[in-house]
Amino acid sequence: MDLTFSTELRSLREQQIARWADSDAKWERRLAELDTKWERRLAELDIKWTERWTAVDAKFERHLERLKSELLRWMFGFWVSTLIGLGALFLRR
């Protein structure tokens, strides 16, 4: 009886270990598929955001250039009017 019970127990244990190994392989395969899927999605998002930020950066640069030229015109107008005013004061004496 002990030998039969021991043999059955060993057989059940081996079957359970085989099921766990099969289950582990399935989980590993699923995790690998999910990992690949997420890596692909993150790479796509990275490309998309890089393109968007590049466009925003270019737009910002154009805007800054326009502001810079406008500021230079206002500065030139201010200094010219200041010099004209100072010249008028000096010539008045």
C-alpha atoms as a PDB file:
ATOM      1  CA  MET A   1       0.000   0.000   0.000  1.00  0.00           C
ATOM      2  CA  ASP A   2       2.785   2.403   0.802  1.00  0.00           C
ATOM      3  CA  LEU A   3       4.489   1.733  -2.507  1.00  0.00           C
ATOM      4  CA  THR A   4       1.271   2.306  -4.468  1.00  0.00           C
ATOM      5  CA  PHE A   5       0.491   5.488  -2.565  1.00  0.00           C
ATOM      6  CA  SER A   6       4.045   6.722  -3.001  1.00  0.00           C
ATOM      7  CA  THR A   7       3.937   5.997  -6.743  1.00  0.00           C
ATOM      8  CA  GLU A   8       0.599   7.783  -7.141  1.00  0.00           C
ATOM      9  CA  LEU A   9       1.829  10.735  -5.129  1.00  0.00           C
ATOM     10  CA  ARG A  10       4.980  10.971  -7.226  1.00  0.00           C
ATOM     11  CA  SER A  11       2.906  10.766 -10.407  1.00  0.00           C
ATOM     12  CA  LEU A  12       0.549  13.520  -9.221  1.00  0.00           C
ATOM     13  CA  ARG A  13       3.453  15.701  -8.194  1.00  0.00           C
ATOM     14  CA  GLU A  14       5.129  15.273 -11.596  1.00  0.00           C
ATOM     15  CA  GLN A  15       1.865  16.105 -13.351  1.00  0.00           C
ATOM     16  CA  GLN A  16       1.474  19.228 -11.237  1.00  0.00           C
ATOM     17  CA  ILE A  17       5.049  20.280 -11.922  1.00  0.00           C
ATOM     18  CA  ALA A  18       4.446  19.748 -15.649  1.00  0.00           C
ATOM     19  CA  ARG A  19       1.299  21.915 -15.468  1.00  0.00           C
ATOM     20  CA  TRP A  20       3.175  24.646 -13.628  1.00  0.00           C
ATOM     21  CA  ALA A  21       5.983  24.543 -16.172  1.00  0.00           C
ATOM     22  CA  ASP A  22       3.435  24.793 -18.991  1.00  0.00           C
ATOM     23  CA  SER A  23       1.652  27.613 -17.183  1.00  0.00           C
ATOM     24  CA  ASP A  24       4.960  29.413 -16.606  1.00  0.00           C
ATOM     25  CA  ALA A  25       5.828  29.120 -20.288  1.00  0.00           C
ATOM     26  CA  LYS A  26       2.428  30.570 -21.246  1.00  0.00           C
ATOM     27  CA  TRP A  27       2.858  33.473 -18.837  1.00  0.00           C
ATOM     28  CA  GLU A  28       6.372  34.162 -20.050  1.00  0.00           C
ATOM     29  CA  ARG A  29       5.175  34.159 -23.657  1.00  0.00           C
ATOM     30  CA  ARG A  30       2.272  36.480 -22.816  1.00  0.00           C
ATOM     31  CA  LEU A  31       4.536  38.828 -20.894  1.00  0.00           C
ATOM     32  CA  ALA A  32       7.016  38.872 -23.762  1.00  0.00           C
ATOM     33  CA  GLU A  33       4.198  39.719 -26.200  1.00  0.00           C
ATOM     34  CA  LEU A  34       2.944  42.491 -23.917  1.00  0.00           C
ATOM     35  CA  ASP A  35       6.467  43.821 -23.489  1.00  0.00           C
ATOM     36  CA  THR A  36       6.937  43.949 -27.257  1.00  0.00           C
ATOM     37  CA  LYS A  37       3.543  45.597 -27.708  1.00  0.00           C
ATOM     38  CA  TRP A  38       4.275  48.277 -25.105  1.00  0.00           C
ATOM     39  CA  GLU A  39       7.751  48.945 -26.488  1.00  0.00           C
ATOM     40  CA  ARG A  40       6.253  49.464 -29.953  1.00  0.00           C
ATOM     41  CA  ARG A  41       3.548  51.779 -28.610  1.00  0.00           C
ATOM     42  CA  LEU A  42       6.033  53.797 -26.587  1.00  0.00           C
ATOM     43  CA  ALA A  43       8.330  54.106 -29.610  1.00  0.00           C
ATOM     44  CA  GLU A  44       5.387  55.374 -31.696  1.00  0.00           C
ATOM     45  CA  LEU A  45       4.467  57.884 -28.977  1.00  0.00           C
ATOM     46  CA  ASP A  46       8.071  59.012 -28.741  1.00  0.00           C
ATOM     47  CA  ILE A  47       8.187  59.657 -32.482  1.00  0.00           C
ATOM     48  CA  LYS A  48       4.848  61.488 -32.398  1.00  0.00           C
ATOM     49  CA  TRP A  49       5.859  63.713 -29.485  1.00  0.00           C
ATOM     50  CA  THR A  50       9.249  64.437 -31.023  1.00  0.00           C
ATOM     51  CA  GLU A  51       7.538  65.605 -34.213  1.00  0.00           C
ATOM     52  CA  ARG A  52       5.087  67.754 -32.270  1.00  0.00           C
ATOM     53  CA  TRP A  53       7.767  69.359 -30.129  1.00  0.00           C
ATOM     54  CA  THR A  54       9.877  70.033 -33.210  1.00  0.00           C
ATOM     55  CA  ALA A  55       6.926  71.825 -34.820  1.00  0.00           C
ATOM     56  CA  VAL A  56       6.232  73.798 -31.638  1.00  0.00           C
ATOM     57  CA  ASP A  57       9.906  74.701 -31.338  1.00  0.00           C
ATOM     58  CA  ALA A  58      10.030  75.950 -34.942  1.00  0.00           C
ATOM     59  CA  LYS A  59       6.883  78.015 -34.416  1.00  0.00           C
ATOM     60  CA  PHE A  60       8.321  79.456 -31.209  1.00  0.00           C
ATOM     61  CA  GLU A  61      11.577  80.357 -32.973  1.00  0.00           C
ATOM     62  CA  ARG A  62       9.667  82.186 -35.745  1.00  0.00           C
ATOM     63  CA  HIS A  63       7.646  84.041 -33.126  1.00  0.00           C
ATOM     64  CA  LEU A  64      10.796  85.059 -31.232  1.00  0.00           C
ATOM     65  CA  GLU A  65      12.445  86.305 -34.425  1.00  0.00           C
ATOM     66  CA  ARG A  66       9.393  88.438 -35.204  1.00  0.00           C
ATOM     67  CA  LEU A  67       9.362  89.843 -31.673  1.00  0.00           C
ATOM     68  CA  LYS A  68      13.068  90.542 -31.844  1.00  0.00           C
ATOM     69  CA  SER A  69      12.754  92.535 -35.060  1.00  0.00           C
ATOM     70  CA  GLU A  70       9.757  94.431 -33.672  1.00  0.00           C
ATOM     71  CA  LEU A  71      11.657  95.229 -30.481  1.00  0.00           C
ATOM     72  CA  LEU A  72      14.654  96.485 -32.471  1.00  0.00           C
ATOM     73  CA  ARG A  73      12.379  98.805 -34.480  1.00  0.00           C
ATOM     74  CA  TRP A  74      10.847 100.214 -31.295  1.00  0.00           C
ATOM     75  CA  MET A  75      14.288 100.672 -29.719  1.00  0.00           C
ATOM     76  CA  PHE A  76      15.569 102.436 -32.813  1.00  0.00           C
ATOM     77  CA  GLY A  77      12.501 104.711 -32.822  1.00  0.00           C
ATOM     78  CA  PHE A  78      12.952 105.481 -29.131  1.00  0.00           C
ATOM     79  CA  TRP A  79      16.634 106.343 -29.428  1.00  0.00           C
ATOM     80  CA  VAL A  80      16.174 108.386 -32.575  1.00  0.00           C
ATOM     81  CA  SER A  81      13.389 110.411 -30.974  1.00  0.00           C
ATOM     82  CA  THR A  82      15.496 110.819 -27.814  1.00  0.00           C
ATOM     83  CA  LEU A  83      18.491 112.021 -29.813  1.00  0.00           C
ATOM     84  CA  ILE A  84      16.324 114.438 -31.769  1.00  0.00           C
ATOM     85  CA  GLY A  85      14.927 115.806 -28.524  1.00  0.00           C
ATOM     86  CA  LEU A  86      18.381 116.127 -26.962  1.00  0.00           C
ATOM     87  CA  GLY A  87      19.735 117.719 -30.144  1.00  0.00           C
ATOM     88  CA  ALA A  88      16.908 120.265 -30.077  1.00  0.00           C
ATOM     89  CA  LEU A  89      17.766 121.116 -26.458  1.00  0.00           C
ATOM     90  CA  PHE A  90      21.463 121.571 -27.238  1.00  0.00           C
ATOM     91  CA  LEU A  91      20.801 123.645 -30.361  1.00  0.00           C
ATOM     92  CA  ARG A  92      18.397 125.903 -28.504  1.00  0.00           C
ATOM     93  CA  ARG A  93      21.137 127.426 -26.353  1.00  0.00           C
END
